[in-house]
Protein backbone atom coordinates (compact mmCIF):
# COMPACT_ATOMS: atom_id res chain seq x y z
CA MET A 1 14.90 21.77 16.94
CA ASP A 2 14.62 20.06 20.31
CA VAL A 3 14.44 16.23 20.32
CA GLN A 4 13.74 14.04 23.34
CA VAL A 5 13.90 10.26 23.58
CA LEU A 6 10.96 9.23 25.78
CA VAL A 7 11.25 5.76 27.27
CA ASP A 8 8.10 3.85 28.22
CA SER A 9 4.58 5.12 28.69
CA GLY A 10 5.13 7.20 31.84
CA GLU A 11 7.54 9.63 30.20
CA PHE A 12 5.48 9.71 27.01
CA TRP A 13 2.18 10.38 28.72
CA ASP A 14 3.54 13.09 31.06
CA ARG A 15 4.86 15.15 28.15
CA LEU A 16 1.87 14.49 25.88
CA ARG A 17 -0.62 15.53 28.54
CA GLU A 18 1.25 18.81 29.04
CA ASP A 19 1.22 19.47 25.29
CA PHE A 20 -2.51 18.75 25.06
CA GLU A 21 -3.16 21.23 27.87
CA GLY A 22 -1.22 23.95 26.05
CA ALA A 23 -2.57 23.25 22.55
CA ARG A 24 -4.12 26.19 20.73
CA GLN A 25 -4.34 25.31 17.02
CA THR A 26 -3.99 21.60 16.26
CA ALA A 27 -4.26 18.34 18.18
CA PHE A 28 -3.99 15.38 15.79
CA VAL A 29 -3.67 11.84 17.13
CA GLN A 30 -3.16 8.80 14.91
CA THR A 31 -2.89 5.31 16.37
CA PHE A 32 -3.08 1.69 15.36
CA THR A 33 -5.11 0.66 18.41
CA PHE A 34 -7.38 2.48 20.83
CA GLU A 35 -9.26 0.62 23.56
CA GLY A 36 -11.74 1.83 26.17
CA ASP A 37 -9.67 0.66 29.14
CA ARG A 38 -7.83 2.79 31.70
CA VAL A 39 -5.38 4.16 29.12
CA GLY A 40 -8.03 4.76 26.47
CA THR A 41 -10.17 6.59 29.02
CA MET A 42 -7.16 8.66 30.10
CA LEU A 43 -6.52 9.69 26.49
CA ALA A 44 -10.17 10.43 25.75
CA ARG A 45 -10.47 12.69 28.80
CA ALA A 46 -7.31 14.56 27.85
CA LEU A 47 -8.62 15.05 24.31
CA GLU A 48 -11.96 16.20 25.68
CA ARG A 49 -10.23 18.91 27.76
CA CYS A 50 -7.98 20.02 24.89
CA THR A 51 -8.95 23.48 23.56
CA ALA A 52 -7.15 23.36 20.18
CA THR A 53 -9.16 24.71 17.25
CA ASP A 54 -8.66 21.62 15.07
CA ARG A 55 -8.98 18.39 17.09
CA ARG A 56 -8.95 15.05 15.29
CA PHE A 57 -8.41 11.42 16.25
CA LEU A 58 -7.65 8.73 13.64
CA VAL A 59 -7.75 5.06 14.62
CA ASP A 60 -7.06 2.14 12.31
CA GLY A 61 -9.96 -0.22 11.68
CA TYR A 62 -7.94 -2.92 13.48
CA SER A 63 -9.56 -1.71 16.71
CA LEU A 64 -12.93 -2.74 15.28
CA LEU A 65 -11.63 -6.31 15.01
CA TYR A 66 -9.26 -6.81 17.94
CA HIS A 67 -9.07 -5.74 21.57
CA SER A 68 -6.28 -6.67 23.96
CA ASP A 69 -4.74 -8.85 21.23
CA ARG A 70 -7.95 -10.90 21.01
CA LEU A 71 -10.37 -11.16 18.13
CA ILE A 72 -13.66 -9.55 19.13
CA VAL A 73 -15.78 -12.12 17.27
CA SER A 74 -14.39 -15.09 19.18
CA GLN A 75 -14.65 -16.86 22.49
CA ALA A 76 -13.27 -13.69 24.08
CA TRP A 77 -16.79 -12.18 23.72
CA LEU A 78 -17.98 -14.50 26.49
CA ASP A 79 -15.78 -12.52 28.92
CA ARG A 80 -17.95 -9.81 30.52
CA ASP A 81 -14.99 -7.48 31.18
CA PHE A 82 -13.88 -7.87 27.57
CA ARG A 83 -17.36 -6.93 26.29
CA ARG A 84 -17.45 -3.95 28.63
CA GLU A 85 -14.12 -2.69 27.25
CA VAL A 86 -15.39 -2.97 23.66
CA PHE A 87 -18.58 -1.08 24.57
CA LEU A 88 -16.57 1.61 26.37
CA THR A 89 -14.37 2.10 23.30
CA HIS A 90 -17.37 2.91 21.13
CA SER A 91 -18.93 4.97 23.91
CA TRP A 92 -15.85 7.21 24.08
CA VAL A 93 -15.84 7.58 20.29
CA ARG A 94 -19.46 8.75 20.35
CA HIS A 95 -18.76 11.06 23.29
CA LEU A 96 -15.79 12.73 21.58
CA ARG A 97 -17.79 13.25 18.40
CA ARG A 98 -20.64 14.84 20.35
CA ASN A 99 -18.12 17.24 21.89
CA GLY A 100 -16.73 18.48 18.59
CA PHE A 101 -13.80 16.13 18.22
CA GLY A 102 -13.37 14.55 14.80
CA VAL A 103 -12.98 10.77 15.07
CA ARG A 104 -12.51 8.37 12.15
CA PHE A 105 -11.51 4.76 11.65
CA SER A 106 -9.10 4.37 8.74
CA ASN A 107 -8.90 1.42 6.34
CA PRO A 108 -12.40 0.01 6.82
CA VAL A 109 -12.49 -3.76 7.02
CA GLY A 110 -14.06 -5.57 4.07
CA PRO A 111 -14.66 -9.14 2.90
CA SER A 112 -11.63 -9.32 0.57
CA PRO A 113 -8.22 -10.38 1.94
CA MET A 114 -6.79 -6.98 1.01
CA ARG A 115 -9.49 -5.11 2.94
CA LEU A 116 -8.73 -7.33 5.92
CA VAL A 117 -4.93 -7.05 6.10
CA ARG A 118 -4.24 -3.55 4.75
CA ARG A 119 -3.76 -1.52 7.90
CA ASN A 120 -2.48 1.93 8.84
CA HIS A 121 0.19 1.13 11.41
CA LYS A 122 1.37 4.72 12.01
CA LYS A 123 1.69 6.19 15.48
CA LEU A 124 1.70 9.97 15.28
CA VAL A 125 0.74 12.97 17.40
CA VAL A 126 0.92 16.56 16.17
CA VAL A 127 0.18 19.25 18.76
CA ASP A 128 0.84 22.72 17.34
CA GLY A 129 4.61 22.71 16.64
CA VAL A 130 5.35 19.47 18.52
CA VAL A 131 5.49 15.98 17.00
CA TYR A 132 5.55 12.53 18.60
CA LEU A 133 6.80 9.55 16.58
CA GLY A 134 7.44 5.96 17.59
CA GLY A 135 5.70 2.76 18.50
CA MET A 136 3.18 3.39 21.28
CA ASN A 137 -0.52 2.62 20.97
CA PHE A 138 -3.28 3.72 23.32
CA SER A 139 -4.36 0.68 25.29
CA GLU A 140 -3.54 -0.62 28.74
CA HIS A 141 -1.56 -3.63 27.61
CA ASN A 142 0.44 -1.53 25.12
CA PHE A 143 1.28 1.04 27.82
CA ALA A 144 2.55 -1.82 30.01
CA TRP A 145 5.06 -2.86 27.33
CA HIS A 146 8.56 -1.45 26.98
CA ASP A 147 8.55 1.12 24.18
CA MET A 148 9.89 4.46 22.98
CA MET A 149 8.67 7.68 21.40
CA LEU A 150 10.55 10.67 20.01
CA ARG A 151 9.23 14.10 20.97
CA VAL A 152 10.34 16.74 18.47
CA GLU A 153 9.74 20.47 18.73
CA SER A 154 9.81 21.64 15.12
CA PRO A 155 7.10 23.72 13.41
CA ARG A 156 8.43 22.61 10.00
CA LEU A 157 8.28 18.91 10.83
CA ALA A 158 4.88 19.41 12.48
CA GLY A 159 3.57 21.04 9.31
CA ILE A 160 4.81 18.20 7.09
CA LEU A 161 3.36 15.52 9.36
CA ALA A 162 0.09 17.42 9.73
CA GLU A 163 -0.19 17.13 5.93
CA ASP A 164 0.59 13.40 6.20
CA PHE A 165 -2.12 13.08 8.84
CA ASP A 166 -4.59 14.96 6.59
CA ALA A 167 -3.85 12.55 3.75
CA SER A 168 -4.52 9.54 5.98
CA TRP A 169 -7.62 11.23 7.37
CA GLU A 170 -9.00 11.60 3.83
CA GLY A 171 -8.07 8.01 2.90
CA ARG A 172 -5.44 9.07 0.37
CA SER A 173 -2.25 8.19 2.21
CA ARG A 174 0.80 8.86 0.03
CA PRO A 175 4.48 7.87 0.06
CA MET A 176 7.01 10.45 1.17
CA ASP A 177 10.79 10.75 1.48
CA ARG A 178 11.75 14.14 2.94
CA MET A 179 14.81 15.60 4.61
CA VAL A 180 13.87 17.66 7.65
CA ASP A 181 17.15 18.21 9.47
CA PRO A 182 18.27 16.22 11.37
CA PHE A 183 15.81 13.60 10.08
CA ARG A 184 15.12 11.72 6.90
CA LEU A 185 11.39 11.09 7.09
CA LEU A 186 9.87 8.10 5.28
CA SER A 187 6.11 7.68 5.00
CA LEU A 188 4.87 4.41 3.48
CA ASN A 189 1.36 4.20 2.08
CA GLY A 190 1.11 0.42 1.70
CA ARG A 191 1.75 0.49 -2.04
CA GLY A 192 5.24 -0.16 -3.31
CA ASN A 193 6.66 -0.16 0.21
CA ALA A 194 9.82 -1.89 -1.02
CA ARG A 195 10.72 1.31 -2.88
CA GLY A 196 9.90 3.44 0.12
CA LEU A 197 12.11 1.33 2.38
CA ALA A 198 15.08 1.47 0.00
CA PRO A 199 17.00 4.01 2.18
CA VAL A 200 16.80 1.64 5.17
CA LEU A 201 17.91 -1.38 3.15
CA GLU A 202 20.73 0.64 1.56
CA ALA A 203 21.92 1.63 5.03
CA LEU A 204 21.99 -2.04 6.05
CA ALA A 205 23.89 -2.92 2.87
CA GLY A 206 26.40 -0.19 3.60
CA SER A 207 27.05 -1.17 7.22
CA ARG A 208 30.71 -1.68 8.04
CA ARG A 209 31.01 -2.66 11.70
CA SER A 210 27.76 -3.32 13.55
CA ILE A 211 23.97 -3.49 13.37
CA ASP A 212 22.03 -3.49 16.66
CA VAL A 213 18.32 -4.22 16.31
CA GLN A 214 15.44 -4.04 18.77
CA SER A 215 12.22 -5.64 17.56
CA ALA A 216 9.73 -8.22 18.74
CA TYR A 217 8.62 -9.09 15.21
CA LEU A 218 11.80 -8.89 13.13
CA SER A 219 11.35 -10.97 9.98
CA HIS A 220 11.85 -11.29 6.22
CA PRO A 221 13.27 -9.47 4.26
CA PHE A 222 15.10 -7.55 6.98
CA THR A 223 16.56 -10.76 8.40
CA ARG A 224 17.95 -11.56 4.94
CA HIS A 225 19.72 -8.19 4.80
CA LEU A 226 21.09 -8.76 8.29
CA ALA A 227 22.35 -12.17 7.16
CA ASP A 228 24.11 -10.54 4.20
CA ALA A 229 25.75 -8.04 6.56
CA ARG A 230 26.86 -10.81 8.91
CA ALA A 231 28.39 -12.67 5.96
CA ARG A 232 30.51 -9.54 5.31
CA GLY A 233 31.80 -9.69 8.89
CA VAL A 234 29.43 -7.11 10.40
CA ARG A 235 28.48 -7.80 14.02
CA VAL A 236 24.69 -8.29 14.27
CA ARG A 237 22.96 -8.13 17.64
CA VAL A 238 19.21 -8.62 18.02
CA LEU A 239 17.49 -7.65 21.26
CA THR A 240 14.03 -9.17 21.54
CA PRO A 241 11.51 -9.71 24.36
CA ALA A 242 11.67 -12.88 26.44
CA ASN A 243 7.85 -12.87 26.61
CA ASN A 244 6.96 -12.22 22.99
CA ASN A 245 3.22 -12.05 22.35
CA LYS A 246 3.74 -13.62 18.91
CA GLY A 247 5.35 -16.98 19.39
CA ASN A 248 6.07 -17.87 15.77
CA LEU A 249 7.98 -14.64 15.22
CA ALA A 250 10.02 -15.28 18.38
CA ARG A 251 10.87 -18.76 17.07
CA HIS A 252 11.68 -17.36 13.62
CA ILE A 253 14.15 -14.87 15.12
CA ARG A 254 15.94 -17.62 17.02
CA HIS A 255 16.02 -19.95 14.04
CA THR A 256 17.41 -17.23 11.77
CA ALA A 257 19.97 -16.21 14.39
CA TYR A 258 21.26 -19.76 14.59
CA ARG A 259 21.57 -20.07 10.81
CA HIS A 260 23.38 -16.77 10.32
CA ASP A 261 25.30 -16.33 13.56
CA PHE A 262 23.44 -13.32 14.98
CA GLU A 263 23.87 -12.56 18.66
CA VAL A 264 20.47 -12.76 20.37
CA TYR A 265 19.58 -11.15 23.69
CA ALA A 266 16.26 -11.64 25.48
CA ARG A 267 14.95 -8.82 27.68
CA ALA A 268 12.49 -9.83 30.40
CA GLY A 269 8.86 -8.98 29.75
CA MET A 270 7.31 -7.75 26.53
CA SER A 271 9.04 -5.05 24.49
CA HIS A 272 7.27 -3.33 21.61
CA LEU A 273 10.24 -1.08 20.83
CA LYS A 274 11.57 -0.93 17.28
CA ALA A 275 14.92 0.59 16.42
CA MET A 276 18.11 -0.10 14.49
CA LEU A 277 21.49 1.38 15.29
CA ILE A 278 23.88 1.00 12.34
CA ASP A 279 27.63 1.42 12.89
CA ASP A 280 26.84 3.40 16.05
CA GLU A 281 26.13 6.32 13.72
CA LEU A 282 22.67 5.93 12.18
CA LEU A 283 19.45 5.48 14.14
CA VAL A 284 16.36 4.10 12.36
CA THR A 285 13.10 4.09 14.30
CA GLY A 286 9.38 4.77 14.00
CA SER A 287 6.33 2.55 13.64
CA SER A 288 7.82 -0.24 11.50
CA ASN A 289 8.57 -3.55 13.23
CA PHE A 290 11.11 -4.37 10.49
CA ASP A 291 8.84 -7.22 9.45
CA PHE A 292 7.21 -8.55 6.30
CA MET A 293 3.94 -6.69 6.91
CA SER A 294 5.63 -3.29 6.99
CA TYR A 295 7.71 -4.25 3.95
CA HIS A 296 4.73 -5.27 1.84
CA ILE A 297 1.41 -3.97 3.17
CA PHE A 298 1.24 -1.62 6.18
CA GLU A 299 1.25 2.16 6.15
CA GLU A 300 4.19 3.29 8.31
CA LEU A 301 6.20 6.30 9.49
CA ILE A 302 9.99 5.91 9.84
CA VAL A 303 12.72 8.37 10.74
CA MET A 304 16.46 8.05 10.13
CA THR A 305 19.02 10.31 11.77
CA ARG A 306 22.79 10.64 12.15
CA ASP A 307 22.50 13.46 14.66
CA PRO A 308 25.12 12.58 17.33
CA SER A 309 23.03 13.88 20.24
CA ILE A 310 19.95 11.83 19.27
CA VAL A 311 22.00 8.70 18.53
CA ASP A 312 23.81 9.12 21.87
CA ALA A 313 20.53 9.64 23.75
CA TYR A 314 19.13 6.43 22.25
CA ARG A 315 22.30 4.52 23.06
CA ARG A 316 22.47 5.77 26.67
CA ARG A 317 18.78 5.69 27.52
CA VAL A 318 17.62 2.64 25.58
CA TRP A 319 20.13 0.30 23.96
CA GLU A 320 22.77 0.08 26.71
CA PRO A 321 20.32 -0.25 29.66
CA ASP A 322 18.23 -2.81 27.75
CA LEU A 323 21.31 -4.84 26.86
CA ARG A 324 22.40 -4.85 30.50
CA ARG A 325 18.99 -6.16 31.55
CA ALA A 326 18.94 -8.84 28.86
CA GLU A 327 20.29 -12.36 28.87
CA ARG A 328 22.23 -13.67 25.92
CA ILE A 329 20.68 -16.80 24.51
CA ARG A 330 22.35 -19.29 22.22
CA PRO A 331 19.65 -20.51 19.82
CA ARG A 332 19.47 -24.17 18.92
CA PRO A 333 17.23 -25.48 16.14
CA ASP A 334 14.41 -27.78 17.14
CA PHE A 335 11.00 -28.73 15.83
CA GLY A 336 9.40 -25.61 17.34
CA THR A 337 11.85 -23.13 15.83
CA ARG A 338 11.66 -24.82 12.44
CA LEU A 339 7.86 -24.77 12.53
CA GLY A 340 7.76 -21.12 13.60
CA HIS A 341 10.26 -20.18 10.91
CA ALA A 342 8.20 -21.99 8.26
CA ALA A 343 5.01 -20.25 9.43
CA VAL A 344 6.64 -16.82 9.19
CA ARG A 345 8.06 -17.58 5.75
CA LEU A 346 4.59 -18.63 4.61
CA GLY A 347 3.13 -15.40 6.02
CA ALA A 348 5.78 -13.39 4.19
CA ARG A 349 4.93 -15.13 0.90
CA MET A 350 1.24 -14.40 1.40
CA ALA A 351 1.99 -10.74 2.16
CA GLU A 352 4.13 -10.52 -0.96
CA PHE A 353 1.27 -12.00 -3.01
CA LEU A 354 -1.22 -9.49 -1.55
CA ALA A 355 1.08 -6.48 -1.93
CA LEU A 356 -0.04 -3.76 -4.30
CA PRO A 357 2.48 -2.24 -6.74
């Protein structure tokens, strides 16, 4: 099994484009967002040229509501360029379907709160015996953000995740906890996610020396488990973007860090990367932001590994360079951080109320 840590969109796209060009049997793409901008067009053209026998593209219904982090049915619609991007998105979907590519939107939006918030947050590509897992979506602003994907050459893993893709494609996403050396693979289906995330929480509870977290949206209950670890004397470091696109979550992270003595580092720009390194031995990564939505509601894909070469590659290529580029901040509580913290706690309570058993 060959595993590569791909940092940022350039590395990811170069390898993915090569794999699309060589695909013969399967080309499955699952994403949370797809937009008809430069990146969406680039993807659509690559899919159009792909000659795999089974070609399918699954996009969460979120892209029918939001583009470029803006609600479509809002003042944003007055922007001509914004409208053009929305039209291009649907134009590419129609074009791919006409050319024999299966395209579906998962989790259709409905009038009930559950139909609105229940989203498939997985990011997955399966191309023959190659798998991509991580946090990248297919839109221009997402490709501009700092992020990471794992590229894994493994026919066995590709077969298991092709089955997971099929289940999502048919609208019957299911939970999964499988060992596929060197990975423990967790698939959450949005029902009983707390049970599905138990291996991650157990790893946090068993930490002895250090927990290093990268996330823009870190929140309850993961912050509570980090606080418990810190109370045991474990060093907790949180690396978060200086220009977070979700202000309340940024304020919540700082407020929680102050209360529980986390070290907080701010990396310039926006980072969408999500990873935990526990005791320098266990890497946890995938699509989950380690937030209340992934804990209660979202469908997610997570991998855990103790493989020394993968852990070392993450440390050398991601954690250490990001930490060097970051500035340590010393959070102080103020009205803004308290308000942001309260807003996130309220959101977590609402997600808990809406969660399905």
